[in-house]
Protein backbone atom coordinates (compact mmCIF):
# COMPACT_ATOMS: atom_id res chain seq x y z
CA MET A 1 -96.62 17.02 -97.23
CA ALA A 2 -99.94 16.85 -95.70
CA GLU A 3 -100.71 18.27 -92.14
CA SER A 4 -103.13 17.06 -89.78
CA MET A 5 -106.10 19.37 -88.68
CA ALA A 6 -105.98 18.02 -85.05
CA GLY A 7 -106.79 20.41 -82.92
CA LEU A 8 -108.39 22.76 -85.23
CA LYS A 9 -112.05 23.44 -85.53
CA ARG A 10 -113.73 25.38 -88.53
CA THR A 11 -115.50 28.53 -86.95
CA HIS A 12 -116.89 29.66 -90.25
CA ARG A 13 -117.58 28.95 -93.90
CA CYS A 14 -115.91 31.74 -96.24
CA THR A 15 -118.98 33.56 -96.62
CA GLU A 16 -120.06 33.26 -93.15
CA VAL A 17 -117.42 35.72 -92.55
CA SER A 18 -118.67 39.12 -92.24
CA GLU A 19 -117.76 42.78 -90.91
CA SER A 20 -119.52 41.84 -87.88
CA ASN A 21 -116.32 39.44 -87.31
CA ILE A 22 -114.04 42.28 -87.92
CA GLY A 23 -111.52 42.10 -84.74
CA GLN A 24 -112.14 38.45 -84.21
CA GLU A 25 -110.11 35.35 -84.79
CA VAL A 26 -111.56 32.68 -87.00
CA VAL A 27 -110.54 29.41 -88.53
CA VAL A 28 -111.61 28.78 -92.12
CA MET A 29 -110.64 25.58 -94.27
CA GLY A 30 -111.43 25.16 -97.93
CA TRP A 31 -109.86 24.97 -101.30
CA VAL A 32 -107.32 27.39 -102.99
CA GLN A 33 -108.91 28.80 -105.84
CA LYS A 34 -105.92 31.59 -106.66
CA SER A 35 -103.02 32.48 -105.08
CA ARG A 36 -101.05 35.73 -105.79
CA ASN A 37 -97.49 36.39 -104.45
CA LYS A 38 -96.67 39.98 -104.55
CA GLY A 39 -93.27 39.76 -103.05
CA GLY A 40 -93.66 39.89 -98.91
CA ILE A 41 -97.10 39.81 -99.33
CA ILE A 42 -99.26 36.79 -100.48
CA PHE A 43 -103.20 36.92 -101.25
CA VAL A 44 -105.15 33.83 -101.54
CA ASP A 45 -108.69 33.47 -102.67
CA LEU A 46 -109.84 30.72 -100.45
CA ARG A 47 -113.06 28.77 -101.84
CA ASP A 48 -115.65 26.55 -100.27
CA ARG A 49 -119.18 25.52 -101.18
CA SER A 50 -120.45 28.89 -99.93
CA GLY A 51 -118.23 31.21 -102.15
CA LEU A 52 -114.68 33.08 -101.77
CA LEU A 53 -112.92 34.66 -98.84
CA GLN A 54 -109.58 36.37 -99.04
CA ILE A 55 -106.83 35.46 -96.85
CA ILE A 56 -103.50 37.73 -96.65
CA PHE A 57 -100.28 36.44 -95.70
CA GLU A 58 -97.66 38.61 -94.31
CA GLU A 59 -94.50 37.16 -92.46
CA SER A 60 -94.85 39.64 -89.68
CA ASP A 61 -98.07 38.13 -88.77
CA CYS A 62 -98.07 34.53 -89.49
CA GLY A 63 -94.03 33.82 -88.90
CA ALA A 64 -91.50 32.67 -91.37
CA GLU A 65 -92.83 28.74 -91.31
CA SER A 66 -96.46 29.50 -92.25
CA PHE A 67 -95.26 32.31 -94.89
CA ALA A 68 -92.83 29.60 -96.29
CA LYS A 69 -95.69 27.19 -96.97
CA ALA A 70 -97.98 30.34 -98.16
CA GLU A 71 -95.27 30.63 -100.97
CA LYS A 72 -95.74 26.78 -102.20
CA LEU A 73 -99.76 27.20 -102.40
CA ARG A 74 -101.31 26.40 -105.66
CA SER A 75 -104.81 26.01 -107.12
CA GLU A 76 -106.92 23.58 -105.36
CA PHE A 77 -104.47 23.15 -102.36
CA VAL A 78 -106.62 22.18 -99.25
CA ILE A 79 -105.80 24.67 -96.56
CA ALA A 80 -106.65 25.51 -93.01
CA VAL A 81 -105.97 29.12 -91.71
CA THR A 82 -106.41 30.67 -88.65
CA GLY A 83 -106.45 34.45 -88.74
CA MET A 84 -107.89 38.01 -87.63
CA VAL A 85 -110.89 39.46 -89.64
CA GLU A 86 -110.19 43.02 -91.01
CA ILE A 87 -111.69 45.63 -93.21
CA ARG A 88 -109.73 45.17 -96.73
CA SER A 89 -106.76 47.30 -97.02
CA GLY A 90 -107.39 47.90 -100.89
CA ALA A 91 -110.63 48.58 -102.76
CA ALA A 92 -113.74 46.50 -102.05
CA ASN A 93 -114.81 44.00 -104.43
CA THR A 94 -118.62 44.77 -104.83
CA SER A 95 -118.83 41.26 -106.77
CA LEU A 96 -118.13 38.98 -103.80
CA LYS A 97 -120.26 38.90 -100.75
CA THR A 98 -117.07 39.26 -98.76
CA GLY A 99 -115.66 41.69 -100.82
CA THR A 100 -115.03 44.28 -98.08
CA ILE A 101 -113.35 42.12 -95.73
CA GLU A 102 -110.20 39.81 -95.35
CA VAL A 103 -108.67 37.61 -93.07
CA ARG A 104 -105.05 38.42 -92.03
CA ALA A 105 -103.28 34.82 -91.36
CA LYS A 106 -101.69 33.98 -88.28
CA ASN A 107 -101.46 30.00 -88.84
CA LEU A 108 -101.23 28.03 -92.14
CA ARG A 109 -101.79 24.43 -92.44
CA ILE A 110 -101.67 22.69 -95.76
CA LEU A 111 -103.93 19.79 -95.37
CA ALA A 112 -103.79 18.24 -98.88
CA GLU A 113 -101.48 19.27 -101.89
CA SER A 114 -102.73 19.21 -105.29
CA ASP A 115 -101.14 18.58 -108.89
CA THR A 116 -102.16 21.09 -111.74
CA PRO A 117 -105.75 20.62 -112.40
CA PRO A 118 -106.74 19.18 -115.71
CA PHE A 119 -108.94 22.04 -116.18
CA PRO A 120 -109.69 25.30 -114.44
CA VAL A 121 -112.12 24.97 -111.68
CA GLU A 122 -114.49 27.97 -112.53
CA GLU A 123 -117.92 28.61 -113.57
CA ASN A 124 -119.44 28.34 -117.23
CA SER A 125 -116.33 25.80 -118.17
CA LYS A 126 -115.37 25.46 -121.57
CA THR A 127 -113.88 22.18 -120.97
CA LYS A 128 -115.28 19.11 -123.09
CA GLU A 129 -117.93 17.08 -121.11
CA GLU A 130 -115.79 13.96 -121.47
CA LEU A 131 -112.99 15.36 -119.75
CA ARG A 132 -115.10 16.83 -116.92
CA LEU A 133 -116.75 13.82 -116.30
CA LYS A 134 -113.77 11.70 -116.26
CA TYR A 135 -112.54 14.14 -113.49
CA ARG A 136 -116.17 14.60 -111.91
CA PHE A 137 -114.95 15.09 -108.36
CA LEU A 138 -113.19 18.43 -109.75
CA ASP A 139 -116.23 19.31 -111.81
CA LEU A 140 -118.41 19.16 -108.88
CA ARG A 141 -116.40 21.86 -107.00
CA ARG A 142 -117.19 24.14 -109.53
CA PRO A 143 -119.37 27.14 -108.03
CA ASP A 144 -122.18 26.90 -110.66
CA ILE A 145 -122.45 23.27 -110.36
CA GLN A 146 -122.62 23.56 -106.60
CA ARG A 147 -125.47 26.18 -106.57
CA HIS A 148 -127.41 23.91 -108.64
CA ILE A 149 -126.87 20.88 -106.14
CA MET A 150 -127.57 23.28 -103.20
CA THR A 151 -130.84 24.66 -104.76
CA ARG A 152 -132.01 21.15 -105.48
CA SER A 153 -131.43 20.05 -101.74
CA GLN A 154 -133.38 23.26 -100.72
CA VAL A 155 -136.14 22.29 -103.00
CA ALA A 156 -136.50 19.02 -101.20
CA ILE A 157 -136.45 20.46 -97.85
CA LEU A 158 -139.08 22.92 -98.66
CA THR A 159 -141.20 20.26 -100.40
CA ARG A 160 -140.98 18.20 -97.29
CA GLN A 161 -142.05 20.92 -95.11
CA PHE A 162 -144.69 22.32 -97.17
CA LEU A 163 -146.65 18.87 -97.80
CA ALA A 164 -146.13 17.85 -93.91
CA GLU A 165 -147.85 20.92 -93.18
CA GLU A 166 -150.71 20.07 -95.62
CA GLY A 167 -151.03 16.67 -94.00
CA PHE A 168 -149.07 14.35 -96.24
CA LEU A 169 -147.02 11.40 -94.95
CA GLU A 170 -143.76 10.60 -96.54
CA ILE A 171 -143.71 7.09 -97.25
CA GLU A 172 -141.14 5.19 -99.06
CA THR A 173 -142.13 2.31 -101.70
CA PRO A 174 -140.01 -0.56 -103.01
CA THR A 175 -137.71 -0.06 -105.81
CA LEU A 176 -137.03 -3.84 -106.38
CA ILE A 177 -140.35 -4.94 -107.72
CA LYS A 178 -142.43 -7.00 -110.21
CA SER A 179 -142.57 -5.59 -113.62
CA THR A 180 -145.65 -3.35 -113.82
CA PRO A 181 -145.34 -2.17 -117.74
CA GLU A 182 -146.20 1.52 -118.25
CA GLY A 183 -145.22 3.59 -121.13
CA ALA A 184 -141.36 2.62 -121.34
CA ARG A 185 -138.94 -0.43 -120.94
CA ASP A 186 -138.07 -1.73 -117.59
CA TYR A 187 -134.55 -1.79 -116.48
CA LEU A 188 -133.86 -5.51 -114.76
CA VAL A 189 -131.86 -6.60 -111.87
CA PRO A 190 -131.19 -10.14 -111.76
CA SER A 191 -131.97 -11.99 -108.41
CA ARG A 192 -129.19 -14.01 -106.58
CA VAL A 193 -131.82 -16.11 -104.88
CA HIS A 194 -134.02 -16.76 -107.48
CA PRO A 195 -131.78 -17.76 -110.20
CA GLY A 196 -133.21 -16.79 -113.70
CA SER A 197 -135.83 -14.19 -112.41
CA PHE A 198 -135.41 -10.67 -112.37
CA TYR A 199 -136.80 -7.63 -110.60
CA ALA A 200 -137.63 -4.57 -112.15
CA LEU A 201 -136.90 -0.92 -111.18
CA PRO A 202 -139.89 1.28 -111.29
CA GLN A 203 -140.90 3.44 -113.83
CA SER A 204 -142.98 5.26 -111.20
CA PRO A 205 -144.69 4.36 -107.71
CA GLN A 206 -148.19 4.30 -109.52
CA ILE A 207 -149.36 0.93 -108.10
CA PHE A 208 -148.02 1.23 -104.68
CA LYS A 209 -149.42 4.96 -103.84
CA GLN A 210 -153.12 3.48 -104.99
CA LEU A 211 -152.35 0.71 -102.57
CA LEU A 212 -151.91 3.23 -99.81
CA MET A 213 -154.91 5.31 -100.74
CA CYS A 214 -156.71 1.74 -100.20
CA SER A 215 -155.09 1.34 -97.00
CA GLY A 216 -156.36 4.48 -95.62
CA TYR A 217 -153.07 6.65 -96.19
CA ASP A 218 -155.03 9.46 -97.41
CA ARG A 219 -152.45 11.88 -98.12
CA TYR A 220 -149.07 10.25 -99.15
CA PHE A 221 -145.69 11.81 -100.84
CA GLN A 222 -142.18 10.72 -101.59
CA LEU A 223 -139.36 12.21 -103.81
CA ALA A 224 -139.31 9.17 -105.89
CA ARG A 225 -136.52 7.73 -108.02
CA CYS A 226 -137.73 6.36 -111.05
CA TYR A 227 -136.21 4.58 -114.00
CA ARG A 228 -137.04 4.16 -117.77
CA ASP A 229 -134.82 2.40 -120.07
CA GLU A 230 -135.31 5.01 -123.01
CA ASP A 231 -132.94 6.83 -125.36
CA LEU A 232 -131.72 9.94 -124.26
CA ARG A 233 -134.23 13.12 -125.05
CA ALA A 234 -134.06 17.08 -123.97
CA ASP A 235 -136.78 16.19 -121.49
CA ARG A 236 -136.45 12.56 -120.78
CA GLN A 237 -133.49 10.84 -118.31
CA PRO A 238 -133.27 7.22 -117.98
CA GLU A 239 -132.86 7.98 -114.19
CA PHE A 240 -134.80 10.93 -112.40
CA THR A 241 -136.64 12.15 -109.36
CA GLN A 242 -140.07 13.37 -109.20
CA ILE A 243 -142.34 14.63 -106.42
CA ASP A 244 -144.87 11.85 -106.38
CA MET A 245 -147.62 12.49 -104.46
CA GLU A 246 -151.73 10.59 -104.12
CA LEU A 247 -154.32 12.32 -102.28
CA SER A 248 -157.87 10.55 -101.40
CA PHE A 249 -161.51 12.10 -100.94
CA VAL A 250 -160.44 15.07 -103.22
CA ASP A 251 -161.60 16.27 -106.75
CA VAL A 252 -159.29 17.83 -109.55
CA GLU A 253 -159.63 21.44 -108.06
CA ASP A 254 -157.84 20.22 -104.48
CA VAL A 255 -155.25 18.39 -106.53
CA LEU A 256 -154.45 21.61 -108.75
CA ASP A 257 -154.61 23.64 -105.45
CA VAL A 258 -152.09 21.80 -103.70
CA ASN A 259 -149.57 21.84 -106.33
CA GLU A 260 -150.10 25.50 -107.38
CA ARG A 261 -149.56 26.40 -103.88
CA LEU A 262 -146.08 24.12 -103.30
CA LEU A 263 -144.90 26.06 -106.69
CA LYS A 264 -145.63 29.49 -105.08
CA ARG A 265 -143.78 28.35 -102.02
CA LEU A 266 -140.65 27.26 -103.99
CA PHE A 267 -140.52 29.87 -106.27
CA LYS A 268 -140.76 32.53 -103.31
CA GLU A 269 -138.34 30.89 -100.90
CA ILE A 270 -135.72 30.10 -103.45
CA CYS A 271 -136.11 32.72 -106.48
CA ASN A 272 -137.97 35.49 -104.50
CA VAL A 273 -140.40 35.66 -107.23
CA ASP A 274 -143.86 36.00 -106.37
CA VAL A 275 -146.16 33.60 -108.51
CA GLU A 276 -149.79 34.68 -109.05
CA LEU A 277 -152.47 32.20 -108.32
CA PRO A 278 -154.21 30.51 -109.68
CA LEU A 279 -151.89 29.47 -112.62
CA GLN A 280 -153.15 30.31 -116.00
CA ARG A 281 -154.92 26.94 -117.65
CA MET A 282 -155.31 25.70 -120.81
CA THR A 283 -157.48 22.75 -122.14
CA TRP A 284 -155.85 19.87 -124.30
CA LYS A 285 -158.34 20.99 -127.02
CA GLU A 286 -156.78 24.71 -127.19
CA ALA A 287 -153.14 23.65 -126.71
CA MET A 288 -153.66 21.49 -129.59
CA GLU A 289 -155.33 23.68 -131.88
CA ARG A 290 -152.75 26.91 -130.67
CA PHE A 291 -149.83 25.13 -130.70
CA GLY A 292 -149.95 21.54 -132.02
CA SER A 293 -148.73 20.32 -128.74
CA ASP A 294 -149.92 19.16 -125.41
CA LYS A 295 -146.88 20.66 -123.61
CA PRO A 296 -146.48 23.84 -125.09
CA ASP A 297 -143.76 26.22 -123.74
């Protein structure tokens, strides 16, 4: 039976709890990754987007009612726990960010129960893609998928910060447009107010950014959604996002410079990798002569 979280407010995400919180009461909420009943003591690995945190239930601490509820916990139950942070009583788990601490539960609320999941919510799933996509809301809970999505968000935030510092304006361009033929087929959207006519979804914002340069917006960018009605390839999808920009009163070196410094910032902030500038460059002629391709790996 689902309980309300009324009156409770989460104080920390799972991996925001640390040794600095020892002796403090915290409220954490998330999904049960694993529950282990050792008879008189129950260990629960609680998961949210930040990672895992071990919760320990003993009847003497949480009372008979909460302990009875803890005995029913299964994978993917959504719970809220109030408890005290303490040093782990057992050996530390060095593979976890929270491996030296645990939360001794004082109160438990089950916010949502779960049936047995159709596949384990874990990293590097061997589950067939068809099943993963059928239950995409479960697949998106997997820690490796969540890291990819959070990294993408971080790239977008840092890109916006960097380009704003470089004097760029973020300007959204239309996505329902007249067809502007490029290198692929357009996706078409029928118009309700003009029967028999169609909008095209943009393959790129090319024509609009050139209009913006003509209009005096000398540095433009957007994280642009683009659509190309093509077959799937390893390096091409029908729908994708690109960091799109245009600059006025510059030469080739200016364009290369701002992009190289953007890449350097992203690799440093996200991967802690120092990229040496300028990046190695290769002419088209050299690429074709050495590798037979204008996009060698």
